[in-house]
Amino acid sequence: MSSVLENIRRSLGRTATPASVPPPPAIPDTVARLVHSPIGLPDLFNKRAAEMKMLVSSVRVDDLAKEMAAFLRAHKCHSIMLSDTLLLRKLEIGDALDEAGFQARYWSGISADGAYDYDAGVTEVDCAVAETGTLVIRHRPEHGRLLSLVPFVHVAVVEPKCFLPDLIDLFETLARDGVGSGVTMISGPSKTADIEMTVVTGVHGPNVVKAFVLD
């Protein structure tokens, strides 16, 4: 980039080296942050997510499989793909959905092309940002990006430890833990207003996003 700018300056007849740009002033946390306490993060997340048309409910761990099955059935989902991650394996969500009459398969047994044959994707999340009501998923072999982007319905399981106050905390967390092959940030169902500024959901991703927050 510096060589490109140098060529432009030379073409314009400018030979003097521009003065260095001073660093931006530090902004105190009291100004930069809108969430100043870790207390009440689940409630704030629920409020912000609902404003973005995400469906959110709290659930006991023992009731998760039953509540998830009821939700998927209500949305006429039959084939379900799940991230092949520790939490979903530990809770045996795939087995529970199979027993409930769904066709459930984990990501390790699904090809990229095959992902388009599923009605819903079930994932856990790495972070849930209370300030914006945003779910954050780091892509990795057991947690492919298509799980939350391709199906009409996306169901996310959120553990209490996943909550972060704001985006500043999120980017600090990603800088520390890495981003894998990429990161998906989900603030409600997919939306676009390309045509006449009319908002349409589900054009570029899920039409329904449901977050089950574990008590």
N, C-alpha and C. Protein backbone atom coordinates (compact mmCIF):
# COMPACT_ATOMS: atom_id res chain seq x y z
N MET A 1 0.83 -1.20 0.00
CA MET A 1 0.00 0.00 0.00
C MET A 1 0.87 1.26 0.00
N SER A 2 1.96 1.27 0.78
CA SER A 2 2.81 2.46 0.84
C SER A 2 3.43 2.75 -0.52
N SER A 3 3.81 1.72 -1.28
CA SER A 3 4.40 1.95 -2.60
C SER A 3 3.37 2.52 -3.56
N VAL A 4 2.11 2.07 -3.44
CA VAL A 4 1.05 2.60 -4.31
C VAL A 4 0.85 4.09 -4.03
N LEU A 5 0.80 4.46 -2.77
CA LEU A 5 0.61 5.86 -2.40
C LEU A 5 1.80 6.71 -2.82
N GLU A 6 2.98 6.12 -2.73
CA GLU A 6 4.17 6.85 -3.16
C GLU A 6 4.13 7.13 -4.66
N ASN A 7 3.69 6.17 -5.45
CA ASN A 7 3.57 6.37 -6.90
C ASN A 7 2.54 7.45 -7.21
N ILE A 8 1.46 7.49 -6.45
CA ILE A 8 0.43 8.51 -6.67
C ILE A 8 1.00 9.89 -6.35
N ARG A 9 1.72 10.00 -5.25
CA ARG A 9 2.32 11.30 -4.89
C ARG A 9 3.30 11.76 -5.96
N ARG A 10 4.09 10.81 -6.47
CA ARG A 10 5.08 11.17 -7.48
C ARG A 10 4.39 11.65 -8.76
N SER A 11 3.30 10.97 -9.13
CA SER A 11 2.55 11.36 -10.34
C SER A 11 1.93 12.75 -10.19
N LEU A 12 1.60 13.11 -8.98
CA LEU A 12 1.02 14.42 -8.71
C LEU A 12 2.08 15.50 -8.51
N GLY A 13 3.34 15.08 -8.60
CA GLY A 13 4.42 16.05 -8.44
C GLY A 13 4.72 16.40 -7.01
N ARG A 14 4.30 15.56 -6.08
CA ARG A 14 4.54 15.82 -4.67
C ARG A 14 5.71 14.96 -4.21
N THR A 15 6.76 15.62 -3.81
CA THR A 15 7.96 14.87 -3.42
C THR A 15 8.18 14.85 -1.91
N ALA A 16 7.55 15.76 -1.21
CA ALA A 16 7.76 15.81 0.25
C ALA A 16 7.07 14.63 0.92
N THR A 17 7.74 14.07 1.89
CA THR A 17 7.16 12.97 2.64
C THR A 17 6.09 13.52 3.58
N PRO A 18 4.88 12.97 3.53
CA PRO A 18 3.82 13.51 4.39
C PRO A 18 4.15 13.29 5.86
N ALA A 19 3.66 14.19 6.66
CA ALA A 19 3.89 14.06 8.10
C ALA A 19 3.19 12.81 8.62
N SER A 20 3.80 12.17 9.60
CA SER A 20 3.20 10.96 10.17
C SER A 20 1.89 11.32 10.86
N VAL A 21 0.95 10.38 10.78
CA VAL A 21 -0.37 10.59 11.37
C VAL A 21 -0.29 10.24 12.85
N PRO A 22 -0.70 11.13 13.73
CA PRO A 22 -0.62 10.83 15.16
C PRO A 22 -1.60 9.72 15.53
N PRO A 23 -1.29 8.94 16.54
CA PRO A 23 -2.22 7.88 16.96
C PRO A 23 -3.50 8.49 17.50
N PRO A 24 -4.60 7.79 17.35
CA PRO A 24 -5.87 8.34 17.86
C PRO A 24 -5.83 8.43 19.38
N PRO A 25 -6.54 9.36 19.94
CA PRO A 25 -6.54 9.50 21.41
C PRO A 25 -7.21 8.30 22.06
N ALA A 26 -6.76 7.97 23.25
CA ALA A 26 -7.38 6.89 24.00
C ALA A 26 -8.77 7.31 24.45
N ILE A 27 -9.72 6.39 24.33
CA ILE A 27 -11.09 6.67 24.74
C ILE A 27 -11.36 5.90 26.03
N PRO A 28 -11.74 6.58 27.09
CA PRO A 28 -11.97 5.88 28.36
C PRO A 28 -13.13 4.89 28.25
N ASP A 29 -13.05 3.82 29.04
CA ASP A 29 -14.09 2.80 29.02
C ASP A 29 -15.47 3.35 29.32
N THR A 30 -15.53 4.37 30.15
CA THR A 30 -16.83 4.93 30.50
C THR A 30 -17.55 5.53 29.29
N VAL A 31 -16.77 5.87 28.26
CA VAL A 31 -17.35 6.41 27.03
C VAL A 31 -17.51 5.31 25.99
N ALA A 32 -16.49 4.45 25.84
CA ALA A 32 -16.49 3.44 24.79
C ALA A 32 -17.45 2.30 25.07
N ARG A 33 -17.68 2.00 26.33
CA ARG A 33 -18.52 0.84 26.69
C ARG A 33 -19.91 1.30 27.13
N LEU A 34 -20.90 0.58 26.63
CA LEU A 34 -22.28 0.85 27.03
C LEU A 34 -22.74 -0.11 28.12
N VAL A 35 -22.02 -1.22 28.28
CA VAL A 35 -22.35 -2.20 29.31
C VAL A 35 -21.21 -2.19 30.32
N HIS A 36 -21.50 -1.78 31.53
CA HIS A 36 -20.45 -1.54 32.50
C HIS A 36 -20.38 -2.59 33.61
N SER A 37 -21.19 -3.64 33.52
CA SER A 37 -21.20 -4.65 34.58
C SER A 37 -21.50 -6.01 33.98
N PRO A 38 -20.89 -7.08 34.52
CA PRO A 38 -21.22 -8.44 34.07
C PRO A 38 -22.52 -8.96 34.65
N ILE A 39 -23.13 -8.19 35.54
CA ILE A 39 -24.39 -8.60 36.17
C ILE A 39 -25.55 -8.40 35.18
N GLY A 40 -26.38 -9.41 35.05
CA GLY A 40 -27.57 -9.30 34.21
C GLY A 40 -27.33 -9.45 32.73
N LEU A 41 -26.21 -10.05 32.33
CA LEU A 41 -25.92 -10.19 30.90
C LEU A 41 -26.95 -11.06 30.17
N PRO A 42 -27.40 -12.19 30.73
CA PRO A 42 -28.41 -12.98 30.01
C PRO A 42 -29.69 -12.19 29.74
N ASP A 43 -30.14 -11.42 30.71
CA ASP A 43 -31.37 -10.64 30.52
C ASP A 43 -31.18 -9.57 29.43
N LEU A 44 -30.02 -8.91 29.44
CA LEU A 44 -29.76 -7.91 28.41
C LEU A 44 -29.65 -8.56 27.04
N PHE A 45 -28.98 -9.72 26.97
CA PHE A 45 -28.89 -10.44 25.70
C PHE A 45 -30.28 -10.78 25.18
N ASN A 46 -31.13 -11.32 26.05
CA ASN A 46 -32.48 -11.70 25.64
C ASN A 46 -33.24 -10.51 25.05
N LYS A 47 -33.11 -9.34 25.70
CA LYS A 47 -33.80 -8.14 25.24
C LYS A 47 -33.28 -7.69 23.88
N ARG A 48 -31.96 -7.60 23.73
CA ARG A 48 -31.38 -7.14 22.48
C ARG A 48 -31.65 -8.13 21.34
N ALA A 49 -31.54 -9.43 21.63
CA ALA A 49 -31.78 -10.44 20.60
C ALA A 49 -33.23 -10.40 20.13
N ALA A 50 -34.16 -10.23 21.07
CA ALA A 50 -35.57 -10.15 20.70
C ALA A 50 -35.83 -8.95 19.80
N GLU A 51 -35.14 -7.84 20.04
CA GLU A 51 -35.30 -6.65 19.20
C GLU A 51 -34.85 -6.92 17.76
N MET A 52 -33.94 -7.89 17.60
CA MET A 52 -33.45 -8.26 16.27
C MET A 52 -34.21 -9.45 15.70
N LYS A 53 -35.36 -9.79 16.31
CA LYS A 53 -36.25 -10.87 15.84
C LYS A 53 -35.67 -12.27 16.04
N MET A 54 -34.73 -12.40 16.96
CA MET A 54 -34.26 -13.72 17.34
C MET A 54 -35.19 -14.25 18.43
N LEU A 55 -35.47 -15.54 18.39
CA LEU A 55 -36.29 -16.18 19.40
C LEU A 55 -35.38 -16.71 20.50
N VAL A 56 -35.66 -16.35 21.73
CA VAL A 56 -34.79 -16.72 22.85
C VAL A 56 -35.63 -17.27 23.99
N SER A 57 -35.16 -18.36 24.59
CA SER A 57 -35.82 -18.86 25.79
C SER A 57 -34.78 -19.53 26.68
N SER A 58 -35.01 -19.45 27.98
CA SER A 58 -34.15 -20.13 28.95
C SER A 58 -34.68 -21.53 29.17
N VAL A 59 -33.77 -22.47 29.40
CA VAL A 59 -34.19 -23.86 29.55
C VAL A 59 -33.23 -24.59 30.48
N ARG A 60 -33.76 -25.49 31.27
CA ARG A 60 -32.91 -26.35 32.08
C ARG A 60 -32.21 -27.37 31.18
N VAL A 61 -31.03 -27.78 31.56
CA VAL A 61 -30.27 -28.73 30.74
C VAL A 61 -31.07 -29.99 30.51
N ASP A 62 -31.74 -30.49 31.55
CA ASP A 62 -32.50 -31.73 31.43
C ASP A 62 -33.69 -31.61 30.49
N ASP A 63 -34.15 -30.40 30.24
CA ASP A 63 -35.31 -30.19 29.37
C ASP A 63 -34.93 -29.76 27.96
N LEU A 64 -33.64 -29.59 27.70
CA LEU A 64 -33.21 -29.03 26.42
C LEU A 64 -33.67 -29.86 25.24
N ALA A 65 -33.40 -31.16 25.27
CA ALA A 65 -33.75 -32.01 24.12
C ALA A 65 -35.24 -32.00 23.85
N LYS A 66 -36.06 -32.06 24.91
CA LYS A 66 -37.50 -32.06 24.73
C LYS A 66 -37.98 -30.73 24.16
N GLU A 67 -37.47 -29.61 24.70
CA GLU A 67 -37.88 -28.30 24.21
C GLU A 67 -37.43 -28.07 22.77
N MET A 68 -36.22 -28.54 22.45
CA MET A 68 -35.71 -28.39 21.09
C MET A 68 -36.54 -29.20 20.11
N ALA A 69 -36.88 -30.41 20.48
CA ALA A 69 -37.70 -31.25 19.60
C ALA A 69 -39.05 -30.60 19.34
N ALA A 70 -39.67 -30.04 20.38
CA ALA A 70 -40.96 -29.39 20.21
C ALA A 70 -40.85 -28.19 19.28
N PHE A 71 -39.78 -27.41 19.44
CA PHE A 71 -39.58 -26.24 18.58
C PHE A 71 -39.39 -26.66 17.12
N LEU A 72 -38.54 -27.64 16.88
CA LEU A 72 -38.28 -28.10 15.52
C LEU A 72 -39.54 -28.69 14.88
N ARG A 73 -40.30 -29.40 15.67
CA ARG A 73 -41.54 -29.99 15.15
C ARG A 73 -42.52 -28.88 14.79
N ALA A 74 -42.61 -27.84 15.61
CA ALA A 74 -43.52 -26.73 15.34
C ALA A 74 -43.15 -25.99 14.06
N HIS A 75 -41.86 -26.03 13.70
CA HIS A 75 -41.41 -25.37 12.47
C HIS A 75 -41.26 -26.35 11.32
N LYS A 76 -41.86 -27.53 11.46
CA LYS A 76 -41.96 -28.52 10.39
C LYS A 76 -40.59 -28.98 9.87
N CYS A 77 -39.64 -29.08 10.78
CA CYS A 77 -38.31 -29.57 10.43
C CYS A 77 -38.27 -31.09 10.62
N HIS A 78 -37.62 -31.77 9.69
CA HIS A 78 -37.51 -33.22 9.76
C HIS A 78 -36.05 -33.68 9.82
N SER A 79 -35.22 -33.10 8.98
CA SER A 79 -33.81 -33.48 8.93
C SER A 79 -32.98 -32.39 9.63
N ILE A 80 -32.14 -32.82 10.56
CA ILE A 80 -31.40 -31.89 11.41
C ILE A 80 -29.92 -32.22 11.36
N MET A 81 -29.08 -31.21 11.14
CA MET A 81 -27.64 -31.43 11.25
C MET A 81 -27.11 -30.67 12.46
N LEU A 82 -26.15 -31.29 13.15
CA LEU A 82 -25.65 -30.74 14.39
C LEU A 82 -24.14 -30.56 14.35
N SER A 83 -23.65 -29.52 15.00
CA SER A 83 -22.21 -29.38 15.12
C SER A 83 -21.67 -30.53 15.97
N ASP A 84 -20.52 -31.04 15.57
CA ASP A 84 -19.93 -32.21 16.23
C ASP A 84 -19.06 -31.74 17.39
N THR A 85 -19.67 -31.02 18.32
CA THR A 85 -18.93 -30.37 19.39
C THR A 85 -19.22 -31.03 20.74
N LEU A 86 -18.35 -30.72 21.70
CA LEU A 86 -18.36 -31.42 22.98
C LEU A 86 -19.71 -31.31 23.68
N LEU A 87 -20.28 -30.12 23.75
CA LEU A 87 -21.52 -29.93 24.49
C LEU A 87 -22.65 -30.76 23.90
N LEU A 88 -22.87 -30.68 22.60
CA LEU A 88 -23.97 -31.41 21.98
C LEU A 88 -23.76 -32.92 22.07
N ARG A 89 -22.52 -33.36 21.97
CA ARG A 89 -22.22 -34.78 22.14
C ARG A 89 -22.48 -35.22 23.58
N LYS A 90 -22.03 -34.41 24.52
CA LYS A 90 -22.19 -34.75 25.94
C LYS A 90 -23.66 -34.84 26.32
N LEU A 91 -24.47 -33.94 25.80
CA LEU A 91 -25.90 -33.94 26.11
C LEU A 91 -26.68 -34.92 25.24
N GLU A 92 -25.99 -35.58 24.29
CA GLU A 92 -26.60 -36.59 23.41
C GLU A 92 -27.83 -36.03 22.68
N ILE A 93 -27.69 -34.81 22.18
CA ILE A 93 -28.80 -34.16 21.50
C ILE A 93 -29.17 -34.89 20.22
N GLY A 94 -28.17 -35.35 19.48
CA GLY A 94 -28.46 -36.08 18.25
C GLY A 94 -29.27 -37.33 18.49
N ASP A 95 -28.89 -38.11 19.50
CA ASP A 95 -29.63 -39.33 19.83
C ASP A 95 -31.05 -39.00 20.27
N ALA A 96 -31.19 -37.95 21.06
CA ALA A 96 -32.52 -37.57 21.55
C ALA A 96 -33.43 -37.15 20.39
N LEU A 97 -32.87 -36.43 19.43
CA LEU A 97 -33.68 -36.02 18.28
C LEU A 97 -34.05 -37.20 17.40
N ASP A 98 -33.13 -38.14 17.25
CA ASP A 98 -33.45 -39.37 16.51
C ASP A 98 -34.61 -40.11 17.18
N GLU A 99 -34.53 -40.23 18.49
CA GLU A 99 -35.58 -40.93 19.23
C GLU A 99 -36.92 -40.20 19.14
N ALA A 100 -36.85 -38.89 18.94
CA ALA A 100 -38.08 -38.10 18.82
C ALA A 100 -38.66 -38.13 17.40
N GLY A 101 -38.01 -38.86 16.51
CA GLY A 101 -38.56 -39.02 15.16
C GLY A 101 -37.91 -38.17 14.09
N PHE A 102 -36.84 -37.45 14.44
CA PHE A 102 -36.13 -36.65 13.44
C PHE A 102 -34.99 -37.45 12.82
N GLN A 103 -34.52 -37.01 11.68
CA GLN A 103 -33.30 -37.55 11.08
C GLN A 103 -32.17 -36.61 11.47
N ALA A 104 -31.39 -37.00 12.46
CA ALA A 104 -30.35 -36.12 13.01
C ALA A 104 -28.98 -36.69 12.69
N ARG A 105 -28.08 -35.83 12.18
CA ARG A 105 -26.73 -36.26 11.85
C ARG A 105 -25.74 -35.18 12.30
N TYR A 106 -24.59 -35.63 12.80
CA TYR A 106 -23.54 -34.70 13.21
C TYR A 106 -22.71 -34.28 12.00
N TRP A 107 -22.06 -33.12 12.14
CA TRP A 107 -21.33 -32.50 11.03
C TRP A 107 -20.25 -33.40 10.46
N SER A 108 -19.63 -34.23 11.28
CA SER A 108 -18.55 -35.08 10.79
C SER A 108 -19.03 -36.08 9.75
N GLY A 109 -20.33 -36.35 9.70
CA GLY A 109 -20.86 -37.29 8.73
C GLY A 109 -21.60 -36.64 7.58
N ILE A 110 -21.39 -35.34 7.38
CA ILE A 110 -22.13 -34.60 6.35
C ILE A 110 -21.14 -33.92 5.41
N SER A 111 -21.40 -34.00 4.12
CA SER A 111 -20.57 -33.29 3.15
C SER A 111 -21.10 -31.87 2.98
N ALA A 112 -20.28 -31.02 2.38
CA ALA A 112 -20.72 -29.64 2.15
C ALA A 112 -21.96 -29.60 1.26
N ASP A 113 -21.96 -30.43 0.21
CA ASP A 113 -23.13 -30.47 -0.67
C ASP A 113 -24.34 -31.02 0.07
N GLY A 114 -24.11 -32.01 0.94
CA GLY A 114 -25.21 -32.62 1.67
C GLY A 114 -25.87 -31.69 2.65
N ALA A 115 -25.16 -30.62 3.08
CA ALA A 115 -25.73 -29.69 4.06
C ALA A 115 -27.00 -29.02 3.54
N TYR A 116 -27.15 -28.94 2.22
CA TYR A 116 -28.31 -28.28 1.64
C TYR A 116 -29.57 -29.13 1.70
N ASP A 117 -29.44 -30.37 2.17
CA ASP A 117 -30.59 -31.27 2.26
C ASP A 117 -31.26 -31.22 3.64
N TYR A 118 -30.75 -30.39 4.55
CA TYR A 118 -31.26 -30.38 5.92
C TYR A 118 -32.15 -29.18 6.18
N ASP A 119 -33.17 -29.42 7.01
CA ASP A 119 -34.13 -28.37 7.33
C ASP A 119 -33.63 -27.42 8.41
N ALA A 120 -32.77 -27.92 9.30
CA ALA A 120 -32.33 -27.10 10.43
C ALA A 120 -30.90 -27.45 10.80
N GLY A 121 -30.19 -26.46 11.34
CA GLY A 121 -28.85 -26.67 11.87
C GLY A 121 -28.86 -26.35 13.35
N VAL A 122 -28.26 -27.24 14.15
CA VAL A 122 -28.17 -27.03 15.60
C VAL A 122 -26.70 -26.87 15.97
N THR A 123 -26.38 -25.80 16.65
CA THR A 123 -25.00 -25.52 17.03
C THR A 123 -24.94 -25.07 18.48
N GLU A 124 -23.76 -25.16 19.07
CA GLU A 124 -23.50 -24.39 20.26
C GLU A 124 -22.79 -23.12 19.79
N VAL A 125 -22.52 -22.21 20.68
CA VAL A 125 -21.86 -20.96 20.30
C VAL A 125 -20.63 -20.74 21.18
N ASP A 126 -19.71 -19.94 20.67
CA ASP A 126 -18.51 -19.61 21.44
C ASP A 126 -18.74 -18.41 22.34
N CYS A 127 -19.53 -17.46 21.86
CA CYS A 127 -19.79 -16.25 22.64
C CYS A 127 -21.20 -15.76 22.35
N ALA A 128 -21.76 -15.03 23.32
CA ALA A 128 -23.03 -14.35 23.14
C ALA A 128 -22.85 -12.94 23.67
N VAL A 129 -22.93 -11.95 22.79
CA VAL A 129 -22.65 -10.56 23.15
C VAL A 129 -23.93 -9.88 23.62
N ALA A 130 -23.98 -9.51 24.90
CA ALA A 130 -25.20 -8.96 25.48
C ALA A 130 -25.56 -7.61 24.88
N GLU A 131 -24.57 -6.76 24.63
CA GLU A 131 -24.82 -5.40 24.13
C GLU A 131 -25.62 -5.40 22.84
N THR A 132 -25.34 -6.36 21.95
CA THR A 132 -25.94 -6.36 20.62
C THR A 132 -26.87 -7.54 20.37
N GLY A 133 -26.98 -8.47 21.33
CA GLY A 133 -27.79 -9.67 21.10
C GLY A 133 -27.23 -10.53 19.99
N THR A 134 -25.92 -10.72 19.98
CA THR A 134 -25.23 -11.40 18.88
C THR A 134 -24.65 -12.73 19.32
N LEU A 135 -24.90 -13.77 18.53
CA LEU A 135 -24.27 -15.07 18.71
C LEU A 135 -23.00 -15.12 17.87
N VAL A 136 -21.95 -15.71 18.42
CA VAL A 136 -20.66 -15.76 17.73
C VAL A 136 -20.19 -17.21 17.66
N ILE A 137 -19.86 -17.65 16.44
CA ILE A 137 -19.41 -19.03 16.22
C ILE A 137 -18.09 -19.01 15.48
N ARG A 138 -17.08 -19.64 16.06
CA ARG A 138 -15.79 -19.81 15.39
C ARG A 138 -15.83 -21.07 14.56
N HIS A 139 -15.45 -20.96 13.28
CA HIS A 139 -15.47 -22.11 12.40
C HIS A 139 -14.27 -23.02 12.68
N ARG A 140 -14.53 -24.30 12.67
CA ARG A 140 -13.49 -25.30 12.85
C ARG A 140 -14.00 -26.62 12.30
N PRO A 141 -13.17 -27.65 12.18
CA PRO A 141 -13.61 -28.88 11.52
C PRO A 141 -14.90 -29.47 12.08
N GLU A 142 -15.11 -29.40 13.38
CA GLU A 142 -16.30 -30.00 13.97
C GLU A 142 -17.48 -29.04 14.00
N HIS A 143 -17.28 -27.85 13.48
CA HIS A 143 -18.30 -26.81 13.61
C HIS A 143 -18.31 -25.97 12.32
N GLY A 144 -18.70 -26.58 11.22
CA GLY A 144 -18.63 -25.92 9.92
C GLY A 144 -19.56 -24.74 9.80
N ARG A 145 -19.18 -23.78 8.99
CA ARG A 145 -19.96 -22.54 8.86
C ARG A 145 -21.32 -22.77 8.23
N LEU A 146 -21.46 -23.84 7.42
CA LEU A 146 -22.74 -24.07 6.75
C LEU A 146 -23.85 -24.42 7.73
N LEU A 147 -23.49 -24.91 8.91
CA LEU A 147 -24.50 -25.29 9.90
C LEU A 147 -25.45 -24.14 10.24
N SER A 148 -24.92 -22.95 10.34
CA SER A 148 -25.73 -21.80 10.74
C SER A 148 -26.11 -20.89 9.58
N LEU A 149 -25.66 -21.21 8.38
CA LEU A 149 -25.89 -20.32 7.24
C LEU A 149 -26.83 -20.89 6.19
N VAL A 150 -26.88 -22.21 6.07
CA VAL A 150 -27.62 -22.82 4.97
C VAL A 150 -29.07 -23.16 5.31
N PRO A 151 -29.35 -23.85 6.41
CA PRO A 151 -30.75 -24.27 6.66
C PRO A 151 -31.69 -23.10 6.91
N PHE A 152 -32.97 -23.36 6.72
CA PHE A 152 -34.00 -22.34 6.94
C PHE A 152 -34.10 -21.99 8.42
N VAL A 153 -33.79 -22.96 9.30
CA VAL A 153 -33.89 -22.77 10.74
C VAL A 153 -32.53 -23.02 11.38
N HIS A 154 -32.10 -22.11 12.24
CA HIS A 154 -30.87 -22.30 13.02
C HIS A 154 -31.22 -22.28 14.50
N VAL A 155 -30.80 -23.33 15.20
CA VAL A 155 -31.01 -23.43 16.64
C VAL A 155 -29.64 -23.39 17.33
N ALA A 156 -29.48 -22.49 18.28
CA ALA A 156 -28.22 -22.34 18.99
C ALA A 156 -28.41 -22.63 20.47
N VAL A 157 -27.42 -23.31 21.05
CA VAL A 157 -27.43 -23.60 22.48
C VAL A 157 -26.37 -22.71 23.13
N VAL A 158 -26.78 -21.94 24.12
CA VAL A 158 -25.90 -20.95 24.74
C VAL A 158 -25.67 -21.32 26.20
N GLU A 159 -24.42 -21.55 26.55
CA GLU A 159 -24.06 -21.80 27.94
C GLU A 159 -23.86 -20.47 28.68
N PRO A 160 -24.11 -20.44 29.98
CA PRO A 160 -23.93 -19.18 30.74
C PRO A 160 -22.53 -18.60 30.61
N LYS A 161 -21.51 -19.45 30.49
CA LYS A 161 -20.13 -18.96 30.41
C LYS A 161 -19.84 -18.23 29.11
N CYS A 162 -20.73 -18.32 28.14
CA CYS A 162 -20.50 -17.71 26.82
C CYS A 162 -20.79 -16.22 26.78
N PHE A 163 -21.49 -15.68 27.77
CA PHE A 163 -21.92 -14.28 27.71
C PHE A 163 -20.75 -13.32 27.90
N LEU A 164 -20.72 -12.31 27.04
CA LEU A 164 -19.76 -11.22 27.13
C LEU A 164 -20.53 -9.90 27.15
N PRO A 165 -20.01 -8.89 27.83
CA PRO A 165 -20.74 -7.62 27.90
C PRO A 165 -20.90 -6.94 26.54
N ASP A 166 -19.79 -6.78 25.78
CA ASP A 166 -19.88 -5.97 24.57
C ASP A 166 -18.89 -6.43 23.51
N LEU A 167 -18.87 -5.71 22.41
CA LEU A 167 -18.02 -6.07 21.28
C LEU A 167 -16.53 -5.90 21.59
N ILE A 168 -16.21 -4.96 22.47
CA ILE A 168 -14.81 -4.80 22.86
C ILE A 168 -14.31 -6.08 23.52
N ASP A 169 -15.11 -6.64 24.41
CA ASP A 169 -14.76 -7.91 25.05
C ASP A 169 -14.67 -9.03 24.02
N LEU A 170 -15.57 -9.02 23.05
CA LEU A 170 -15.55 -10.06 22.02
C LEU A 170 -14.25 -10.04 21.24
N PHE A 171 -13.86 -8.86 20.76
CA PHE A 171 -12.65 -8.80 19.93
C PHE A 171 -11.40 -9.10 20.75
N GLU A 172 -11.42 -8.76 22.03
CA GLU A 172 -10.30 -9.15 22.89
C GLU A 172 -10.26 -10.66 23.05
N THR A 173 -11.41 -11.29 23.17
CA THR A 173 -11.49 -12.75 23.30
C THR A 173 -11.02 -13.44 22.03
N LEU A 174 -11.45 -12.95 20.88
CA LEU A 174 -11.04 -13.55 19.62
C LEU A 174 -9.55 -13.37 19.38
N ALA A 175 -9.00 -12.22 19.78
CA ALA A 175 -7.56 -11.99 19.63
C ALA A 175 -6.77 -12.97 20.50
N ARG A 176 -7.34 -13.29 21.66
CA ARG A 176 -6.65 -14.21 22.58
C ARG A 176 -6.80 -15.67 22.14
N ASP A 177 -8.02 -16.07 21.76
CA ASP A 177 -8.31 -17.47 21.49
C ASP A 177 -8.18 -17.85 20.03
N GLY A 178 -8.10 -16.88 19.12
CA GLY A 178 -8.02 -17.17 17.70
C GLY A 178 -9.40 -17.22 17.07
N VAL A 179 -9.44 -17.15 15.76
CA VAL A 179 -10.71 -17.11 15.04
C VAL A 179 -10.97 -18.37 14.22
N GLY A 180 -10.09 -19.38 14.35
CA GLY A 180 -10.27 -20.56 13.51
C GLY A 180 -10.12 -20.19 12.05
N SER A 181 -10.96 -20.78 11.21
CA SER A 181 -10.93 -20.43 9.79
C SER A 181 -11.85 -19.26 9.47
N GLY A 182 -12.49 -18.73 10.48
CA GLY A 182 -13.38 -17.59 10.29
C GLY A 182 -14.37 -17.52 11.44
N VAL A 183 -15.16 -16.46 11.46
CA VAL A 183 -16.13 -16.26 12.53
C VAL A 183 -17.45 -15.82 11.92
N THR A 184 -18.54 -16.41 12.39
CA THR A 184 -19.87 -15.96 12.02
C THR A 184 -20.50 -15.25 13.20
N MET A 185 -21.02 -14.05 12.96
CA MET A 185 -21.70 -13.27 13.99
C MET A 185 -23.17 -13.15 13.58
N ILE A 186 -24.06 -13.59 14.46
CA ILE A 186 -25.47 -13.73 14.12
C ILE A 186 -26.30 -12.83 15.02
N SER A 187 -26.96 -11.85 14.43
CA SER A 187 -27.86 -10.97 15.17
C SER A 187 -29.26 -11.10 14.58
N GLY A 188 -29.93 -12.18 14.92
CA GLY A 188 -31.26 -12.43 14.40
C GLY A 188 -31.23 -13.13 13.06
N PRO A 189 -32.39 -13.38 12.47
CA PRO A 189 -32.46 -14.03 11.15
C PRO A 189 -31.84 -13.16 10.06
N SER A 190 -31.50 -13.80 8.95
CA SER A 190 -30.94 -13.08 7.81
C SER A 190 -31.92 -12.03 7.31
N LYS A 191 -31.40 -10.85 7.01
CA LYS A 191 -32.26 -9.75 6.54
C LYS A 191 -31.59 -9.03 5.37
N THR A 192 -32.42 -8.54 4.47
CA THR A 192 -31.92 -7.67 3.41
C THR A 192 -33.00 -6.66 3.08
N ALA A 193 -32.58 -5.47 2.63
CA ALA A 193 -33.53 -4.45 2.18
C ALA A 193 -33.05 -3.88 0.85
N ASP A 194 -32.52 -4.75 -0.01
CA ASP A 194 -31.95 -4.31 -1.28
C ASP A 194 -33.00 -3.74 -2.22
N ILE A 195 -34.23 -4.26 -2.14
CA ILE A 195 -35.27 -3.85 -3.08
C ILE A 195 -36.23 -2.88 -2.41
N GLU A 196 -36.20 -1.63 -2.86
CA GLU A 196 -37.10 -0.59 -2.39
C GLU A 196 -37.10 -0.45 -0.87
N MET A 197 -35.98 -0.77 -0.22
CA MET A 197 -35.82 -0.61 1.22
C MET A 197 -36.86 -1.39 2.02
N THR A 198 -37.36 -2.46 1.43
CA THR A 198 -38.31 -3.34 2.12
C THR A 198 -37.55 -4.50 2.74
N VAL A 199 -37.65 -4.65 4.06
CA VAL A 199 -36.89 -5.69 4.76
C VAL A 199 -37.51 -7.05 4.50
N VAL A 200 -36.68 -7.98 4.04
CA VAL A 200 -37.09 -9.36 3.78
C VAL A 200 -36.15 -10.27 4.55
N THR A 201 -36.69 -11.25 5.25
CA THR A 201 -35.85 -12.16 6.02
C THR A 201 -35.67 -13.48 5.27
N GLY A 202 -34.55 -14.14 5.56
CA GLY A 202 -34.31 -15.47 5.05
C GLY A 202 -33.78 -15.58 3.64
N VAL A 203 -33.36 -14.46 3.03
CA VAL A 203 -32.88 -14.51 1.65
C VAL A 203 -31.45 -15.02 1.59
N HIS A 204 -30.61 -14.59 2.51
CA HIS A 204 -29.20 -14.96 2.49
C HIS A 204 -28.81 -15.85 3.67
N GLY A 205 -29.77 -16.49 4.29
CA GLY A 205 -29.48 -17.32 5.44
C GLY A 205 -30.77 -17.70 6.14
N PRO A 206 -30.70 -18.20 7.37
CA PRO A 206 -31.89 -18.68 8.08
C PRO A 206 -32.98 -17.62 8.22
N ASN A 207 -34.21 -18.08 8.09
CA ASN A 207 -35.36 -17.22 8.31
C ASN A 207 -35.75 -17.20 9.78
N VAL A 208 -35.34 -18.25 10.51
CA VAL A 208 -35.67 -18.39 11.93
C VAL A 208 -34.39 -18.70 12.70
N VAL A 209 -34.12 -17.93 13.73
CA VAL A 209 -32.99 -18.20 14.63
C VAL A 209 -33.53 -18.32 16.04
N LYS A 210 -33.25 -19.45 16.67
CA LYS A 210 -33.71 -19.72 18.02
C LYS A 210 -32.51 -19.98 18.92
N ALA A 211 -32.44 -19.30 20.05
CA ALA A 211 -31.37 -19.50 21.02
C ALA A 211 -31.96 -20.10 22.30
N PHE A 212 -31.47 -21.26 22.69
CA PHE A 212 -31.82 -21.86 23.96
C PHE A 212 -30.69 -21.52 24.94
N VAL A 213 -31.01 -20.71 25.93
CA VAL A 213 -30.02 -20.31 26.93
C VAL A 213 -30.14 -21.26 28.12
N LEU A 214 -29.07 -21.97 28.42
CA LEU A 214 -29.09 -22.95 29.50
C LEU A 214 -29.08 -22.25 30.85
N ASP A 215 -29.97 -22.68 31.74
CA ASP A 215 -29.99 -22.14 33.11
C ASP A 215 -28.80 -22.66 33.89
